[in-house]
Amino acid sequence: MTPEEIRKFIEGGEWASITTELRPSANKAPTGEPQPFFCSRVFRYSAPDRFECTVMNYADANGKVPLVKIDIAGHNVWDGPHPIADGAYNLNYVADEAYKVTPLHGGFAAVANRFPAPGLNAWEAGETQDVKGKAFPLFGLFEGQIYVDYDLIYITSGMLFNGSKHVDGRAFDKPENRPTNLQIPLVRK
């Protein structure tokens, strides 16, 4: 598919995780291994090259204990073909509209409060704060930064694939950290 064909295919509706996903986290165990990050994702795409994404992070592999909801919105920037497969493209998710964080568990709020940042209130379960452009050390965000996820997109068999997180938990926060493997697919709801 060309970028134009992919745009038409993904716009409208929602694209959601098939089940709870397991990703390596940037957080490390005392032994140095990445901690598991259990999540589900829902993407909504609209013209012109807009996205909204909700990531639910869970404490368990079955997605029964929600920890935090992350709502990100912004624009997609197409950045040429990706070598993983014919029809795959580099896609940058630019979170220039919103990066909202809602703790859903008191334990997450308590951890977030260990990393105070100017311009943010104390974290409480159920209370949403927009961290776009603000320092939020827990997520590695810096004051004045608009977060960009240097990802990829690939469509096959009616499923949408983004990149799989690196096994060491590195974020896709710079072009050289762009993924080289495919994540489990999202399906249209």
N, C-alpha and C. Protein backbone atom coordinates (compact mmCIF):
# COMPACT_ATOMS: atom_id res chain seq x y z
N MET A 1 0.84 -1.19 0.00
CA MET A 1 0.00 0.00 0.00
C MET A 1 0.88 1.25 0.00
N THR A 2 0.40 2.28 -0.61
CA THR A 2 1.09 3.57 -0.58
C THR A 2 0.65 4.32 0.68
N PRO A 3 1.38 5.38 1.06
CA PRO A 3 0.91 6.17 2.21
C PRO A 3 -0.52 6.69 2.02
N GLU A 4 -0.88 7.10 0.81
CA GLU A 4 -2.23 7.60 0.57
C GLU A 4 -3.27 6.49 0.78
N GLU A 5 -2.96 5.27 0.33
CA GLU A 5 -3.87 4.15 0.52
C GLU A 5 -3.98 3.78 2.00
N ILE A 6 -2.87 3.84 2.72
CA ILE A 6 -2.90 3.55 4.16
C ILE A 6 -3.74 4.59 4.88
N ARG A 7 -3.55 5.88 4.55
CA ARG A 7 -4.35 6.94 5.18
C ARG A 7 -5.84 6.65 5.02
N LYS A 8 -6.26 6.36 3.79
CA LYS A 8 -7.68 6.09 3.54
C LYS A 8 -8.16 4.87 4.32
N PHE A 9 -7.31 3.86 4.40
CA PHE A 9 -7.68 2.62 5.08
C PHE A 9 -7.84 2.80 6.59
N ILE A 10 -6.97 3.59 7.22
CA ILE A 10 -6.99 3.68 8.69
C ILE A 10 -7.92 4.76 9.23
N GLU A 11 -8.29 5.75 8.40
CA GLU A 11 -9.12 6.85 8.91
C GLU A 11 -10.53 6.39 9.24
N GLY A 12 -11.05 6.96 10.33
CA GLY A 12 -12.39 6.61 10.79
C GLY A 12 -12.34 5.34 11.62
N GLY A 13 -13.25 5.21 12.55
CA GLY A 13 -13.27 4.02 13.39
C GLY A 13 -12.14 4.00 14.39
N GLU A 14 -12.00 2.88 15.03
CA GLU A 14 -10.96 2.71 16.04
C GLU A 14 -10.17 1.45 15.74
N TRP A 15 -8.88 1.51 16.05
CA TRP A 15 -7.98 0.39 15.92
C TRP A 15 -7.54 0.01 17.32
N ALA A 16 -7.78 -1.24 17.71
CA ALA A 16 -7.57 -1.63 19.10
C ALA A 16 -6.72 -2.89 19.23
N SER A 17 -6.05 -3.01 20.37
CA SER A 17 -5.29 -4.21 20.70
C SER A 17 -6.23 -5.42 20.71
N ILE A 18 -5.72 -6.54 20.27
CA ILE A 18 -6.48 -7.78 20.28
C ILE A 18 -6.65 -8.27 21.71
N THR A 19 -5.61 -8.08 22.52
CA THR A 19 -5.60 -8.51 23.92
C THR A 19 -4.57 -7.64 24.64
N THR A 20 -4.38 -7.87 25.91
CA THR A 20 -3.35 -7.14 26.64
C THR A 20 -1.99 -7.47 26.02
N GLU A 21 -1.21 -6.43 25.78
CA GLU A 21 0.10 -6.59 25.16
C GLU A 21 1.18 -6.60 26.23
N LEU A 22 2.25 -7.31 25.96
CA LEU A 22 3.42 -7.31 26.83
C LEU A 22 4.53 -6.59 26.09
N ARG A 23 5.05 -5.55 26.71
CA ARG A 23 6.17 -4.80 26.14
C ARG A 23 7.24 -4.66 27.22
N PRO A 24 8.49 -4.57 26.81
CA PRO A 24 9.53 -4.29 27.81
C PRO A 24 9.45 -2.81 28.21
N SER A 25 9.62 -2.55 29.45
CA SER A 25 9.59 -1.19 29.98
C SER A 25 11.01 -0.64 30.06
N ALA A 26 11.13 0.67 30.06
CA ALA A 26 12.43 1.31 30.28
C ALA A 26 12.86 1.15 31.74
N ASN A 27 11.90 0.85 32.64
CA ASN A 27 12.23 0.62 34.04
C ASN A 27 12.94 -0.72 34.19
N LYS A 28 13.98 -0.73 34.99
CA LYS A 28 14.80 -1.94 35.14
C LYS A 28 14.61 -2.58 36.52
N ALA A 29 14.70 -3.90 36.53
CA ALA A 29 14.72 -4.66 37.78
C ALA A 29 16.09 -4.44 38.44
N PRO A 30 16.23 -4.74 39.72
CA PRO A 30 17.54 -4.61 40.37
C PRO A 30 18.65 -5.37 39.65
N THR A 31 18.29 -6.43 38.94
CA THR A 31 19.29 -7.21 38.20
C THR A 31 19.60 -6.62 36.82
N GLY A 32 18.89 -5.53 36.44
CA GLY A 32 19.17 -4.86 35.18
C GLY A 32 18.25 -5.21 34.04
N GLU A 33 17.38 -6.21 34.19
CA GLU A 33 16.46 -6.56 33.11
C GLU A 33 15.29 -5.58 33.07
N PRO A 34 14.76 -5.32 31.87
CA PRO A 34 13.58 -4.46 31.77
C PRO A 34 12.38 -5.09 32.48
N GLN A 35 11.58 -4.26 33.11
CA GLN A 35 10.35 -4.71 33.75
C GLN A 35 9.27 -4.85 32.67
N PRO A 36 8.29 -5.73 32.89
CA PRO A 36 7.21 -5.85 31.90
C PRO A 36 6.29 -4.63 31.94
N PHE A 37 5.78 -4.26 30.80
CA PHE A 37 4.80 -3.19 30.66
C PHE A 37 3.59 -3.82 29.97
N PHE A 38 2.51 -4.02 30.73
CA PHE A 38 1.30 -4.61 30.19
C PHE A 38 0.38 -3.48 29.77
N CYS A 39 -0.10 -3.52 28.53
CA CYS A 39 -0.92 -2.41 28.05
C CYS A 39 -1.92 -2.87 27.00
N SER A 40 -2.85 -1.98 26.72
CA SER A 40 -3.71 -2.10 25.55
C SER A 40 -3.74 -0.73 24.90
N ARG A 41 -3.97 -0.72 23.58
CA ARG A 41 -3.95 0.54 22.83
C ARG A 41 -5.20 0.65 21.97
N VAL A 42 -5.68 1.88 21.84
CA VAL A 42 -6.73 2.20 20.89
C VAL A 42 -6.28 3.44 20.13
N PHE A 43 -6.26 3.33 18.80
CA PHE A 43 -5.90 4.46 17.94
C PHE A 43 -7.12 4.90 17.15
N ARG A 44 -7.23 6.20 16.95
CA ARG A 44 -8.22 6.79 16.06
C ARG A 44 -7.44 7.71 15.12
N TYR A 45 -7.66 7.55 13.83
CA TYR A 45 -6.99 8.36 12.82
C TYR A 45 -8.03 9.19 12.08
N SER A 46 -7.69 10.44 11.79
CA SER A 46 -8.58 11.30 11.03
C SER A 46 -7.74 12.22 10.14
N ALA A 47 -8.39 12.81 9.15
CA ALA A 47 -7.71 13.73 8.23
C ALA A 47 -7.59 15.09 8.91
N PRO A 48 -6.61 15.86 8.62
CA PRO A 48 -5.46 15.52 7.80
C PRO A 48 -4.30 15.03 8.68
N ASP A 49 -4.02 13.75 8.61
CA ASP A 49 -2.90 13.14 9.33
C ASP A 49 -2.94 13.41 10.84
N ARG A 50 -4.12 13.23 11.43
CA ARG A 50 -4.28 13.35 12.88
C ARG A 50 -4.42 11.97 13.50
N PHE A 51 -4.00 11.89 14.76
CA PHE A 51 -4.19 10.65 15.52
C PHE A 51 -4.60 10.99 16.94
N GLU A 52 -5.30 10.05 17.54
CA GLU A 52 -5.57 10.05 18.97
C GLU A 52 -5.28 8.63 19.43
N CYS A 53 -4.62 8.50 20.55
CA CYS A 53 -4.26 7.18 21.06
C CYS A 53 -4.53 7.13 22.56
N THR A 54 -5.17 6.07 22.98
CA THR A 54 -5.35 5.81 24.41
C THR A 54 -4.57 4.54 24.75
N VAL A 55 -3.66 4.68 25.69
CA VAL A 55 -2.89 3.54 26.19
C VAL A 55 -3.33 3.28 27.62
N MET A 56 -3.76 2.06 27.87
CA MET A 56 -4.08 1.65 29.24
C MET A 56 -2.92 0.77 29.71
N ASN A 57 -2.35 1.12 30.86
CA ASN A 57 -1.26 0.33 31.45
C ASN A 57 -1.85 -0.44 32.64
N TYR A 58 -1.51 -1.73 32.69
CA TYR A 58 -2.04 -2.62 33.72
C TYR A 58 -0.93 -3.18 34.60
N ALA A 59 -1.32 -3.60 35.79
CA ALA A 59 -0.37 -4.24 36.71
C ALA A 59 -0.21 -5.72 36.41
N ASP A 60 -1.11 -6.28 35.60
CA ASP A 60 -1.11 -7.72 35.37
C ASP A 60 -1.25 -8.05 33.89
N ALA A 61 -0.84 -9.25 33.54
CA ALA A 61 -0.84 -9.69 32.15
C ALA A 61 -2.26 -9.87 31.58
N ASN A 62 -3.25 -10.04 32.44
CA ASN A 62 -4.62 -10.22 31.97
C ASN A 62 -5.40 -8.92 31.85
N GLY A 63 -4.77 -7.80 32.19
CA GLY A 63 -5.43 -6.50 32.07
C GLY A 63 -6.58 -6.31 33.03
N LYS A 64 -6.48 -6.88 34.22
CA LYS A 64 -7.56 -6.77 35.22
C LYS A 64 -7.34 -5.64 36.22
N VAL A 65 -6.08 -5.19 36.38
CA VAL A 65 -5.78 -4.14 37.36
C VAL A 65 -5.18 -2.94 36.63
N PRO A 66 -6.04 -1.97 36.23
CA PRO A 66 -5.53 -0.80 35.52
C PRO A 66 -4.73 0.12 36.44
N LEU A 67 -3.60 0.58 35.93
CA LEU A 67 -2.74 1.49 36.69
C LEU A 67 -2.88 2.94 36.24
N VAL A 68 -2.83 3.15 34.92
CA VAL A 68 -2.84 4.52 34.40
C VAL A 68 -3.39 4.52 32.97
N LYS A 69 -4.10 5.58 32.64
CA LYS A 69 -4.59 5.79 31.28
C LYS A 69 -3.82 6.98 30.70
N ILE A 70 -3.33 6.81 29.48
CA ILE A 70 -2.56 7.86 28.81
C ILE A 70 -3.29 8.18 27.51
N ASP A 71 -3.69 9.44 27.34
CA ASP A 71 -4.37 9.90 26.13
C ASP A 71 -3.45 10.87 25.42
N ILE A 72 -3.07 10.49 24.20
CA ILE A 72 -2.14 11.29 23.41
C ILE A 72 -2.85 11.68 22.12
N ALA A 73 -2.66 12.91 21.67
CA ALA A 73 -3.26 13.37 20.42
C ALA A 73 -2.28 14.28 19.70
N GLY A 74 -2.34 14.21 18.39
CA GLY A 74 -1.46 15.07 17.60
C GLY A 74 -1.51 14.73 16.13
N HIS A 75 -0.36 14.85 15.50
CA HIS A 75 -0.26 14.71 14.05
C HIS A 75 0.73 13.64 13.65
N ASN A 76 0.47 13.02 12.52
CA ASN A 76 1.37 12.03 11.94
C ASN A 76 2.23 12.71 10.89
N VAL A 77 3.50 12.36 10.88
CA VAL A 77 4.42 12.81 9.84
C VAL A 77 5.00 11.57 9.17
N TRP A 78 4.75 11.44 7.88
CA TRP A 78 5.25 10.30 7.11
C TRP A 78 6.69 10.58 6.75
N ASP A 79 7.56 9.57 6.95
CA ASP A 79 9.00 9.80 6.82
C ASP A 79 9.67 8.73 5.95
N GLY A 80 9.01 8.37 4.85
CA GLY A 80 9.62 7.46 3.89
C GLY A 80 9.39 6.00 4.21
N PRO A 81 9.80 5.13 3.28
CA PRO A 81 9.61 3.69 3.46
C PRO A 81 10.45 3.14 4.61
N HIS A 82 9.93 2.10 5.25
CA HIS A 82 10.65 1.37 6.28
C HIS A 82 11.08 0.03 5.67
N PRO A 83 12.30 -0.42 5.94
CA PRO A 83 12.78 -1.64 5.27
C PRO A 83 12.20 -2.95 5.77
N ILE A 84 11.36 -2.94 6.79
CA ILE A 84 10.88 -4.20 7.37
C ILE A 84 10.03 -5.02 6.40
N ALA A 85 9.27 -4.33 5.51
CA ALA A 85 8.43 -5.03 4.54
C ALA A 85 8.01 -4.05 3.45
N ASP A 86 7.75 -4.58 2.26
CA ASP A 86 7.21 -3.73 1.20
C ASP A 86 5.89 -3.16 1.67
N GLY A 87 5.72 -1.85 1.57
CA GLY A 87 4.50 -1.21 2.01
C GLY A 87 4.53 -0.74 3.45
N ALA A 88 5.66 -0.91 4.14
CA ALA A 88 5.82 -0.38 5.51
C ALA A 88 6.44 1.01 5.40
N TYR A 89 6.04 1.90 6.31
CA TYR A 89 6.53 3.28 6.27
C TYR A 89 6.91 3.75 7.67
N ASN A 90 7.93 4.62 7.70
CA ASN A 90 8.26 5.34 8.93
C ASN A 90 7.12 6.32 9.18
N LEU A 91 6.60 6.31 10.40
CA LEU A 91 5.53 7.22 10.78
C LEU A 91 5.87 7.81 12.13
N ASN A 92 5.94 9.13 12.19
CA ASN A 92 6.24 9.84 13.43
C ASN A 92 4.93 10.31 14.04
N TYR A 93 4.68 9.89 15.27
CA TYR A 93 3.51 10.35 16.02
C TYR A 93 3.95 11.56 16.84
N VAL A 94 3.51 12.76 16.46
CA VAL A 94 3.90 14.00 17.11
C VAL A 94 2.78 14.39 18.08
N ALA A 95 3.05 14.32 19.38
CA ALA A 95 2.03 14.57 20.41
C ALA A 95 1.91 16.06 20.68
N ASP A 96 1.50 16.81 19.65
CA ASP A 96 1.46 18.27 19.77
C ASP A 96 0.10 18.83 20.19
N GLU A 97 -0.87 17.96 20.46
CA GLU A 97 -2.18 18.42 20.91
C GLU A 97 -2.44 18.09 22.38
N ALA A 98 -2.09 16.89 22.78
CA ALA A 98 -2.35 16.49 24.17
C ALA A 98 -1.47 15.30 24.55
N TYR A 99 -1.13 15.27 25.83
CA TYR A 99 -0.43 14.12 26.42
C TYR A 99 -0.97 14.05 27.86
N LYS A 100 -2.16 13.48 27.98
CA LYS A 100 -2.87 13.47 29.26
C LYS A 100 -2.63 12.15 30.00
N VAL A 101 -2.42 12.28 31.29
CA VAL A 101 -2.13 11.13 32.15
C VAL A 101 -3.17 11.10 33.27
N THR A 102 -3.83 9.94 33.43
CA THR A 102 -4.82 9.77 34.49
C THR A 102 -4.46 8.54 35.31
N PRO A 103 -3.93 8.72 36.53
CA PRO A 103 -3.69 7.55 37.39
C PRO A 103 -5.03 6.87 37.70
N LEU A 104 -5.06 5.57 37.60
CA LEU A 104 -6.27 4.81 37.90
C LEU A 104 -6.11 3.95 39.15
N HIS A 105 -4.93 4.03 39.74
CA HIS A 105 -4.61 3.23 40.92
C HIS A 105 -3.77 4.11 41.86
N GLY A 106 -4.07 4.03 43.14
CA GLY A 106 -3.33 4.83 44.11
C GLY A 106 -1.84 4.55 44.10
N GLY A 107 -1.45 3.32 43.80
CA GLY A 107 -0.03 2.98 43.75
C GLY A 107 0.70 3.73 42.65
N PHE A 108 0.05 3.89 41.48
CA PHE A 108 0.68 4.65 40.41
C PHE A 108 0.80 6.11 40.81
N ALA A 109 -0.25 6.67 41.40
CA ALA A 109 -0.21 8.07 41.84
C ALA A 109 0.92 8.27 42.85
N ALA A 110 1.10 7.33 43.76
CA ALA A 110 2.16 7.44 44.77
C ALA A 110 3.54 7.44 44.11
N VAL A 111 3.74 6.58 43.11
CA VAL A 111 5.03 6.54 42.41
C VAL A 111 5.24 7.85 41.64
N ALA A 112 4.21 8.33 40.95
CA ALA A 112 4.33 9.58 40.19
C ALA A 112 4.67 10.75 41.11
N ASN A 113 4.15 10.73 42.34
CA ASN A 113 4.43 11.82 43.28
C ASN A 113 5.87 11.81 43.79
N ARG A 114 6.60 10.72 43.56
CA ARG A 114 8.02 10.68 43.93
C ARG A 114 8.87 11.50 42.95
N PHE A 115 8.27 11.90 41.83
CA PHE A 115 8.96 12.65 40.79
C PHE A 115 8.25 13.98 40.56
N PRO A 116 8.27 14.88 41.54
CA PRO A 116 7.55 16.15 41.38
C PRO A 116 8.12 16.96 40.22
N ALA A 117 7.24 17.72 39.58
CA ALA A 117 7.66 18.55 38.46
C ALA A 117 6.91 19.87 38.51
N PRO A 118 7.58 20.97 38.14
CA PRO A 118 6.91 22.27 38.13
C PRO A 118 5.75 22.28 37.14
N GLY A 119 4.66 22.93 37.54
CA GLY A 119 3.49 23.04 36.67
C GLY A 119 2.53 21.88 36.76
N LEU A 120 2.86 20.88 37.59
CA LEU A 120 1.95 19.75 37.78
C LEU A 120 1.51 19.69 39.23
N ASN A 121 0.26 19.33 39.43
CA ASN A 121 -0.26 19.14 40.78
C ASN A 121 0.17 17.78 41.32
N ALA A 122 -0.08 17.56 42.60
CA ALA A 122 0.15 16.23 43.15
C ALA A 122 -0.78 15.26 42.42
N TRP A 123 -0.29 14.06 42.18
CA TRP A 123 -1.06 13.07 41.44
C TRP A 123 -2.06 12.37 42.35
N GLU A 124 -3.28 12.20 41.86
CA GLU A 124 -4.33 11.49 42.59
C GLU A 124 -5.05 10.56 41.63
N ALA A 125 -5.46 9.41 42.11
CA ALA A 125 -6.20 8.47 41.28
C ALA A 125 -7.46 9.14 40.74
N GLY A 126 -7.70 8.99 39.45
CA GLY A 126 -8.89 9.56 38.81
C GLY A 126 -8.75 10.99 38.35
N GLU A 127 -7.66 11.65 38.66
CA GLU A 127 -7.45 13.06 38.27
C GLU A 127 -6.48 13.13 37.09
N THR A 128 -6.93 13.76 36.01
CA THR A 128 -6.14 13.86 34.78
C THR A 128 -5.31 15.14 34.76
N GLN A 129 -4.07 15.01 34.30
CA GLN A 129 -3.22 16.18 34.06
C GLN A 129 -2.61 16.06 32.67
N ASP A 130 -2.53 17.17 31.97
CA ASP A 130 -1.90 17.20 30.65
C ASP A 130 -0.43 17.55 30.85
N VAL A 131 0.46 16.62 30.48
CA VAL A 131 1.89 16.81 30.67
C VAL A 131 2.57 17.30 29.39
N LYS A 132 1.79 17.60 28.35
CA LYS A 132 2.36 18.07 27.09
C LYS A 132 3.21 19.32 27.33
N GLY A 133 4.45 19.26 26.92
CA GLY A 133 5.36 20.40 27.06
C GLY A 133 5.87 20.63 28.47
N LYS A 134 5.53 19.73 29.40
CA LYS A 134 5.96 19.89 30.79
C LYS A 134 6.98 18.81 31.15
N ALA A 135 7.74 19.10 32.16
CA ALA A 135 8.66 18.09 32.68
C ALA A 135 7.84 17.03 33.41
N PHE A 136 8.04 15.79 33.04
CA PHE A 136 7.40 14.66 33.73
C PHE A 136 8.43 13.54 33.76
N PRO A 137 9.32 13.58 34.77
CA PRO A 137 10.45 12.65 34.83
C PRO A 137 10.06 11.17 34.76
N LEU A 138 8.91 10.82 35.32
CA LEU A 138 8.49 9.42 35.32
C LEU A 138 8.40 8.87 33.90
N PHE A 139 8.03 9.71 32.94
CA PHE A 139 7.93 9.30 31.54
C PHE A 139 9.09 9.80 30.70
N GLY A 140 10.09 10.42 31.33
CA GLY A 140 11.25 10.91 30.59
C GLY A 140 10.95 12.13 29.74
N LEU A 141 9.95 12.92 30.13
CA LEU A 141 9.58 14.14 29.38
C LEU A 141 10.26 15.35 29.99
N PHE A 142 10.62 16.29 29.13
CA PHE A 142 11.33 17.49 29.57
C PHE A 142 10.51 18.74 29.28
N GLU A 143 10.72 19.76 30.10
CA GLU A 143 10.05 21.06 29.93
C GLU A 143 10.26 21.56 28.51
N GLY A 144 9.16 21.99 27.89
CA GLY A 144 9.21 22.55 26.55
C GLY A 144 9.27 21.51 25.43
N GLN A 145 9.37 20.25 25.75
CA GLN A 145 9.48 19.19 24.75
C GLN A 145 8.09 18.76 24.26
N ILE A 146 7.95 18.65 22.96
CA ILE A 146 6.78 18.00 22.39
C ILE A 146 7.25 16.60 22.02
N TYR A 147 6.65 15.60 22.64
CA TYR A 147 7.11 14.24 22.45
C TYR A 147 6.78 13.75 21.03
N VAL A 148 7.75 13.07 20.43
CA VAL A 148 7.57 12.43 19.13
C VAL A 148 7.94 10.96 19.29
N ASP A 149 7.05 10.09 18.82
CA ASP A 149 7.31 8.65 18.81
C ASP A 149 7.69 8.30 17.37
N TYR A 150 8.96 7.95 17.15
CA TYR A 150 9.46 7.61 15.82
C TYR A 150 9.17 6.14 15.58
N ASP A 151 8.05 5.87 14.96
CA ASP A 151 7.51 4.52 14.85
C ASP A 151 7.48 4.08 13.39
N LEU A 152 6.69 3.06 13.12
CA LEU A 152 6.44 2.60 11.76
C LEU A 152 4.99 2.17 11.66
N ILE A 153 4.52 2.02 10.42
CA ILE A 153 3.16 1.54 10.19
C ILE A 153 3.19 0.57 9.02
N TYR A 154 2.40 -0.49 9.16
CA TYR A 154 2.32 -1.50 8.12
C TYR A 154 0.93 -2.12 8.18
N ILE A 155 0.31 -2.28 7.02
CA ILE A 155 -1.01 -2.89 6.94
C ILE A 155 -0.90 -4.19 6.16
N THR A 156 -1.46 -5.26 6.71
CA THR A 156 -1.55 -6.51 5.98
C THR A 156 -2.74 -7.30 6.53
N SER A 157 -3.42 -8.00 5.65
CA SER A 157 -4.56 -8.85 6.03
C SER A 157 -5.58 -8.09 6.87
N GLY A 158 -5.77 -6.79 6.58
CA GLY A 158 -6.75 -5.98 7.29
C GLY A 158 -6.34 -5.58 8.70
N MET A 159 -5.08 -5.85 9.08
CA MET A 159 -4.59 -5.51 10.41
C MET A 159 -3.55 -4.41 10.32
N LEU A 160 -3.47 -3.59 11.37
CA LEU A 160 -2.53 -2.48 11.44
C LEU A 160 -1.41 -2.85 12.41
N PHE A 161 -0.19 -2.72 11.93
CA PHE A 161 0.97 -3.00 12.76
C PHE A 161 1.77 -1.72 12.98
N ASN A 162 2.19 -1.51 14.20
CA ASN A 162 3.20 -0.51 14.54
C ASN A 162 4.46 -1.29 14.91
N GLY A 163 5.48 -0.56 15.37
CA GLY A 163 6.73 -1.20 15.72
C GLY A 163 6.71 -1.82 17.10
N SER A 164 7.47 -2.88 17.25
CA SER A 164 7.63 -3.57 18.52
C SER A 164 8.70 -2.84 19.34
N LYS A 165 8.45 -2.66 20.61
CA LYS A 165 9.44 -2.01 21.49
C LYS A 165 10.73 -2.80 21.50
N HIS A 166 11.81 -2.10 21.67
CA HIS A 166 13.12 -2.74 21.75
C HIS A 166 13.18 -3.60 23.02
N VAL A 167 13.90 -4.72 22.96
CA VAL A 167 13.96 -5.63 24.10
C VAL A 167 14.57 -4.98 25.33
N ASP A 168 15.37 -3.92 25.16
CA ASP A 168 15.94 -3.23 26.32
C ASP A 168 15.02 -2.13 26.85
N GLY A 169 13.83 -1.97 26.25
CA GLY A 169 12.85 -1.00 26.74
C GLY A 169 13.04 0.42 26.23
N ARG A 170 14.04 0.66 25.37
CA ARG A 170 14.26 2.01 24.84
C ARG A 170 13.01 2.55 24.17
N ALA A 171 12.75 3.81 24.40
CA ALA A 171 11.62 4.48 23.74
C ALA A 171 11.97 4.78 22.29
N PHE A 172 10.97 5.07 21.50
CA PHE A 172 11.15 5.49 20.11
C PHE A 172 11.29 7.01 20.06
N ASP A 173 12.09 7.57 20.95
CA ASP A 173 12.17 9.02 21.15
C ASP A 173 13.14 9.75 20.25
N LYS A 174 13.85 9.03 19.37
CA LYS A 174 14.73 9.65 18.39
C LYS A 174 14.74 8.75 17.15
N PRO A 175 15.02 9.33 16.00
CA PRO A 175 14.97 8.53 14.77
C PRO A 175 15.83 7.27 14.82
N GLU A 176 16.98 7.35 15.45
CA GLU A 176 17.85 6.17 15.51
C GLU A 176 17.29 5.07 16.41
N ASN A 177 16.25 5.37 17.21
CA ASN A 177 15.59 4.37 18.05
C ASN A 177 14.32 3.82 17.40
N ARG A 178 14.10 4.16 16.14
CA ARG A 178 12.91 3.66 15.44
C ARG A 178 12.92 2.12 15.49
N PRO A 179 11.74 1.49 15.62
CA PRO A 179 11.69 0.03 15.75
C PRO A 179 12.14 -0.68 14.47
N THR A 180 12.56 -1.92 14.66
CA THR A 180 12.99 -2.75 13.54
C THR A 180 12.17 -4.04 13.44
N ASN A 181 11.17 -4.21 14.30
CA ASN A 181 10.30 -5.38 14.30
C ASN A 181 8.85 -4.92 14.43
N LEU A 182 7.93 -5.81 14.15
CA LEU A 182 6.51 -5.48 14.24
C LEU A 182 5.91 -5.91 15.58
N GLN A 183 5.06 -5.06 16.14
CA GLN A 183 4.30 -5.34 17.35
C GLN A 183 3.10 -6.20 16.97
N ILE A 184 2.44 -6.81 17.95
CA ILE A 184 1.21 -7.54 17.63
C ILE A 184 0.23 -6.54 17.02
N PRO A 185 -0.64 -7.00 16.12
CA PRO A 185 -1.46 -6.06 15.36
C PRO A 185 -2.61 -5.46 16.15
N LEU A 186 -3.09 -4.35 15.58
CA LEU A 186 -4.35 -3.73 16.02
C LEU A 186 -5.41 -4.11 15.00
N VAL A 187 -6.63 -4.28 15.47
CA VAL A 187 -7.75 -4.61 14.56
C VAL A 187 -8.79 -3.50 14.64
N ARG A 188 -9.51 -3.32 13.53
CA ARG A 188 -10.56 -2.29 13.50
C ARG A 188 -11.72 -2.76 14.36
N LYS A 189 -12.18 -1.87 15.25
CA LYS A 189 -13.33 -2.19 16.10
C LYS A 189 -14.61 -1.88 15.38
